[in-house]
């Protein structure tokens, strides 16, 4: 993918995938997140005359080149905006188990002529900006159905005056306990994103809520205001973080066959 550096605002730094599929399972009982994974996100604007069909063709070429080069293509997701304001037509997200895994993948891609050809093919379809972040699990349902398209609510947040990263433990605990109490009505997962690249407009932290569909997310939000426990969870969250919300669709586009 061709990349450019340009100011793009908060939303660039918080759109990331469903990490329950990459082996980063929640530890809700202890409220201690597992070691963070690494997310590599490309925020892309289609070139004139290009669309999803062209992206699908470029993706097929990318996978053929990866097989030819012996390159282990990372698990990848494609995001499209549902509601809110976004700086891109599409977001391509690569999920890596660790920062070291990202580094090895990035070096392998850069060293391969076959993969360079795949990158050039993507550059004919869209103009993209790359970003990097760490991600940790706050809550994940073991029985969640993550097949097909999934609804995501992203919260780009700054700490309120007097709050600090140390306050996030209380936020995590409240979110995990609330979702555990909901049983089958819990969200599929909740993840915390910490940007590694950015500028003055980059949020301090981002929270991604994963639901089976938009209706499930909406029902969850309504339930927060319908009980004292839900209101308490909202109060703890709001006392620490000042956030902007957007809704997205995510689909797994590379990997997941097994």
Protein backbone atom coordinates (compact mmCIF):
# COMPACT_ATOMS: atom_id res chain seq x y z
CA UNK A 1 0.00 0.00 0.00
CA UNK A 2 1.26 3.48 -0.82
CA UNK A 3 1.61 5.52 2.36
CA UNK A 4 1.53 9.22 3.01
CA UNK A 5 1.89 11.26 6.19
CA UNK A 6 -0.93 13.70 6.80
CA UNK A 7 -2.90 15.09 9.78
CA UNK A 8 -5.98 12.93 10.19
CA UNK A 9 -7.42 13.47 13.69
CA UNK A 10 -8.33 11.21 16.57
CA UNK A 11 -10.13 8.43 14.74
CA UNK A 12 -6.97 7.30 12.98
CA UNK A 13 -5.53 5.92 16.16
CA UNK A 14 -8.31 3.76 17.51
CA UNK A 15 -9.79 1.42 14.94
CA UNK A 16 -8.56 -2.08 15.69
CA UNK A 17 -9.72 -5.72 15.37
CA UNK A 18 -11.18 -8.57 17.40
CA UNK A 19 -8.23 -9.91 19.33
CA UNK A 20 -10.10 -12.81 20.81
CA UNK A 21 -9.36 -14.48 17.46
CA UNK A 22 -5.60 -14.02 17.79
CA UNK A 23 -5.18 -15.84 21.08
CA UNK A 24 -5.24 -12.81 23.39
CA UNK A 25 -7.96 -14.12 25.71
CA UNK A 26 -9.40 -12.10 28.57
CA UNK A 27 -8.45 -12.72 32.18
CA UNK A 28 -11.62 -11.21 33.58
CA UNK A 29 -11.41 -12.93 36.95
CA UNK A 30 -8.15 -11.19 37.87
CA UNK A 31 -8.80 -8.05 35.79
CA UNK A 32 -5.15 -8.20 34.75
CA UNK A 33 -4.90 -8.00 30.95
CA UNK A 34 -2.58 -10.40 29.12
CA UNK A 35 0.61 -9.05 27.55
CA UNK A 36 -0.36 -6.52 24.88
CA UNK A 37 -0.57 -7.41 21.22
CA UNK A 38 0.40 -5.03 18.43
CA UNK A 39 -1.91 -3.57 15.80
CA UNK A 40 -0.79 -2.17 12.45
CA UNK A 41 -3.57 -0.10 10.87
CA UNK A 42 -3.65 1.40 7.37
CA UNK A 43 -6.20 4.21 6.95
CA UNK A 44 -6.97 4.39 3.26
CA UNK A 45 -8.77 6.59 0.76
CA UNK A 46 -9.68 4.95 -2.53
CA UNK A 47 -7.94 6.34 -5.60
CA UNK A 48 -10.19 7.85 -8.26
CA UNK A 49 -12.27 5.16 -9.95
CA UNK A 50 -11.31 2.43 -7.47
CA UNK A 51 -13.62 0.53 -5.12
CA UNK A 52 -14.03 -2.65 -3.05
CA UNK A 53 -13.79 -4.89 -6.12
CA UNK A 54 -10.33 -3.49 -6.85
CA UNK A 55 -9.32 -3.99 -3.20
CA UNK A 56 -10.48 -7.62 -3.30
CA UNK A 57 -8.42 -8.20 -6.44
CA UNK A 58 -5.36 -6.63 -4.80
CA UNK A 59 -5.92 -8.79 -1.72
CA UNK A 60 -6.00 -11.96 -3.83
CA UNK A 61 -2.75 -10.89 -5.50
CA UNK A 62 -1.22 -10.17 -2.07
CA UNK A 63 -2.06 -13.67 -0.84
CA UNK A 64 -0.66 -15.29 -3.99
CA UNK A 65 2.55 -13.27 -3.62
CA UNK A 66 2.76 -14.21 0.07
CA UNK A 67 2.53 -17.90 -0.80
CA UNK A 68 5.15 -17.48 -3.52
CA UNK A 69 7.51 -15.61 -1.17
CA UNK A 70 6.92 -17.83 1.86
CA UNK A 71 5.67 -14.75 3.72
CA UNK A 72 3.37 -15.41 6.69
CA UNK A 73 0.57 -12.93 6.04
CA UNK A 74 -0.74 -11.68 9.40
CA UNK A 75 -4.39 -12.00 10.38
CA UNK A 76 -6.09 -8.95 8.88
CA UNK A 77 -9.43 -7.15 9.16
CA UNK A 78 -11.24 -4.65 6.99
CA UNK A 79 -13.24 -1.86 8.63
CA UNK A 80 -16.01 0.25 7.11
CA UNK A 81 -17.74 3.17 8.81
CA UNK A 82 -21.31 2.72 10.04
CA UNK A 83 -21.97 5.92 12.05
CA UNK A 84 -19.63 8.75 12.97
CA UNK A 85 -16.87 10.69 11.26
CA UNK A 86 -13.86 8.92 9.81
CA UNK A 87 -10.74 10.10 7.96
CA UNK A 88 -10.71 7.15 5.56
CA UNK A 89 -12.85 5.08 3.20
CA UNK A 90 -11.47 1.84 4.61
CA UNK A 91 -9.18 0.68 7.40
CA UNK A 92 -6.98 -2.39 6.91
CA UNK A 93 -5.74 -3.77 10.24
CA UNK A 94 -2.99 -6.36 10.74
CA UNK A 95 -3.01 -8.10 14.14
CA UNK A 96 0.32 -9.27 15.60
CA UNK A 97 0.81 -11.24 18.81
CA UNK A 98 3.60 -8.93 19.98
CA UNK A 99 5.75 -5.99 18.96
CA UNK A 100 8.55 -8.41 18.07
CA UNK A 101 6.19 -10.34 15.80
CA UNK A 102 5.26 -7.10 14.07
CA UNK A 103 8.93 -6.21 13.61
CA UNK A 104 9.77 -9.58 12.09
CA UNK A 105 6.78 -9.41 9.74
CA UNK A 106 7.59 -5.86 8.67
CA UNK A 107 11.22 -6.73 7.93
CA UNK A 108 10.23 -9.85 5.97
CA UNK A 109 7.79 -7.85 3.86
CA UNK A 110 10.36 -5.14 3.15
CA UNK A 111 13.04 -7.67 2.14
CA UNK A 112 10.87 -9.48 -0.44
CA UNK A 113 10.57 -8.38 -4.07
CA UNK A 114 7.42 -10.47 -4.34
CA UNK A 115 5.80 -8.59 -1.47
CA UNK A 116 6.99 -5.26 -2.88
CA UNK A 117 4.93 -6.08 -5.96
CA UNK A 118 1.93 -6.71 -3.73
CA UNK A 119 2.47 -3.35 -2.05
CA UNK A 120 2.61 -1.63 -5.42
CA UNK A 121 -0.65 -3.32 -6.41
CA UNK A 122 -2.34 -1.95 -3.29
CA UNK A 123 -0.97 1.53 -4.08
CA UNK A 124 -2.91 1.54 -7.35
CA UNK A 125 -6.13 1.04 -5.36
CA UNK A 126 -5.79 3.37 -2.36
CA UNK A 127 -3.63 5.99 -0.65
CA UNK A 128 -2.95 4.90 2.93
CA UNK A 129 -1.45 6.11 6.18
CA UNK A 130 0.05 3.52 8.56
CA UNK A 131 -0.20 3.63 12.35
CA UNK A 132 0.87 1.39 15.22
CA UNK A 133 -0.60 0.67 18.67
CA UNK A 134 -0.65 -1.87 21.47
CA UNK A 135 -3.86 -3.62 22.49
CA UNK A 136 -4.92 -5.44 25.66
CA UNK A 137 -8.04 -7.42 26.52
CA UNK A 138 -10.40 -5.99 29.14
CA UNK A 139 -13.19 -8.55 28.68
CA UNK A 140 -13.95 -11.35 26.20
CA UNK A 141 -16.78 -13.88 26.09
CA UNK A 142 -15.54 -17.44 25.62
CA UNK A 143 -18.73 -18.42 23.77
CA UNK A 144 -18.89 -15.35 21.50
CA UNK A 145 -19.65 -16.00 17.83
CA UNK A 146 -17.05 -13.95 15.94
CA UNK A 147 -17.83 -15.29 12.49
CA UNK A 148 -18.70 -12.95 9.65
CA UNK A 149 -19.12 -9.21 9.95
CA UNK A 150 -19.05 -7.80 13.47
CA UNK A 151 -20.16 -4.45 14.89
CA UNK A 152 -17.58 -2.32 16.69
CA UNK A 153 -18.05 0.77 18.84
CA UNK A 154 -14.85 2.78 19.20
CA UNK A 155 -14.31 5.29 21.99
CA UNK A 156 -11.43 7.74 21.45
CA UNK A 157 -10.65 9.04 24.92
CA UNK A 158 -8.56 11.58 26.78
CA UNK A 159 -8.07 11.49 30.54
CA UNK A 160 -10.17 14.00 32.44
CA UNK A 161 -8.33 16.55 34.60
CA UNK A 162 -6.88 14.79 37.61
CA UNK A 163 -7.23 11.29 36.10
CA UNK A 164 -4.25 9.21 34.99
CA UNK A 165 -3.46 5.81 33.42
CA UNK A 166 -3.47 4.33 36.94
CA UNK A 167 -7.22 4.92 37.06
CA UNK A 168 -7.76 2.51 34.16
CA UNK A 169 -7.57 -0.52 36.47
CA UNK A 170 -10.83 0.60 38.08
CA UNK A 171 -12.37 1.17 34.64
CA UNK A 172 -11.29 -2.28 33.47
CA UNK A 173 -12.63 -3.97 36.60
CA UNK A 174 -15.98 -2.21 36.31
CA UNK A 175 -16.37 -3.09 32.61
CA UNK A 176 -15.41 -6.74 33.16
CA UNK A 177 -17.70 -7.22 36.17
CA UNK A 178 -20.64 -5.56 34.43
CA UNK A 179 -20.31 -7.75 31.34
CA UNK A 180 -19.84 -10.91 33.42
CA UNK A 181 -23.13 -10.12 35.18
CA UNK A 182 -24.97 -9.97 31.84
CA UNK A 183 -24.28 -13.57 30.81
CA UNK A 184 -25.44 -14.19 27.25
CA UNK A 185 -26.27 -10.48 26.86
CA UNK A 186 -22.64 -9.40 27.42
CA UNK A 187 -20.58 -7.83 24.68
CA UNK A 188 -18.38 -10.19 22.65
CA UNK A 189 -15.33 -8.31 23.90
CA UNK A 190 -13.87 -5.03 25.13
CA UNK A 191 -10.28 -4.00 24.33
CA UNK A 192 -7.97 -1.16 25.34
CA UNK A 193 -5.79 0.50 22.70
CA UNK A 194 -2.69 2.56 23.50
CA UNK A 195 -1.25 4.46 20.50
CA UNK A 196 2.45 4.09 19.75
CA UNK A 197 2.45 6.59 16.88
CA UNK A 198 0.56 9.86 16.71
CA UNK A 199 0.59 13.61 17.15
CA UNK A 200 -1.01 16.27 19.33
CA UNK A 201 -4.50 15.10 18.28
CA UNK A 202 -3.90 11.48 19.26
CA UNK A 203 -6.17 10.36 22.14
CA UNK A 204 -4.62 9.11 25.37
CA UNK A 205 -6.36 5.77 25.10
CA UNK A 206 -9.08 4.08 23.08
CA UNK A 207 -11.68 1.50 24.04
CA UNK A 208 -13.18 -0.85 21.44
CA UNK A 209 -16.45 -2.63 22.24
CA UNK A 210 -17.24 -5.66 20.04
CA UNK A 211 -20.82 -6.82 19.51
CA UNK A 212 -22.45 -9.40 17.27
CA UNK A 213 -24.35 -6.64 15.48
CA UNK A 214 -25.46 -3.03 15.93
CA UNK A 215 -28.68 -4.05 17.67
CA UNK A 216 -26.69 -5.98 20.28
CA UNK A 217 -24.47 -2.95 20.93
CA UNK A 218 -27.52 -0.67 21.20
CA UNK A 219 -29.21 -3.03 23.68
CA UNK A 220 -26.03 -3.08 25.77
CA UNK A 221 -25.87 0.72 25.90
CA UNK A 222 -29.53 0.91 26.90
CA UNK A 223 -28.95 -1.66 29.65
CA UNK A 224 -26.27 0.54 31.20
CA UNK A 225 -28.87 3.14 32.07
CA UNK A 226 -31.51 0.66 33.19
CA UNK A 227 -29.91 -0.60 36.42
CA UNK A 228 -27.89 0.83 39.33
CA UNK A 229 -24.95 -1.46 38.46
CA UNK A 230 -24.93 -0.27 34.85
CA UNK A 231 -25.18 3.36 35.89
CA UNK A 232 -22.26 2.82 38.27
CA UNK A 233 -20.16 1.36 35.45
CA UNK A 234 -20.97 4.35 33.22
CA UNK A 235 -20.14 6.70 36.09
CA UNK A 236 -16.71 5.15 36.69
CA UNK A 237 -15.93 5.27 32.97
CA UNK A 238 -17.10 8.86 32.58
CA UNK A 239 -15.24 10.10 35.65
CA UNK A 240 -11.93 9.00 34.15
CA UNK A 241 -12.35 9.39 30.38
CA UNK A 242 -13.78 11.97 27.97
CA UNK A 243 -14.56 10.10 24.74
CA UNK A 244 -15.87 10.42 21.19
CA UNK A 245 -17.82 7.45 19.80
CA UNK A 246 -18.07 5.95 16.30
CA UNK A 247 -19.62 2.73 14.99
CA UNK A 248 -17.90 0.45 12.46
CA UNK A 249 -18.28 -2.90 10.73
CA UNK A 250 -15.35 -5.31 10.83
CA UNK A 251 -14.78 -8.40 8.71
CA UNK A 252 -11.82 -10.75 8.76
CA UNK A 253 -10.20 -10.53 5.34
CA UNK A 254 -6.98 -12.57 5.81
CA UNK A 255 -6.53 -15.65 8.00
CA UNK A 256 -8.98 -17.46 10.20
CA UNK A 257 -9.44 -20.44 7.90
CA UNK A 258 -8.49 -22.83 10.68
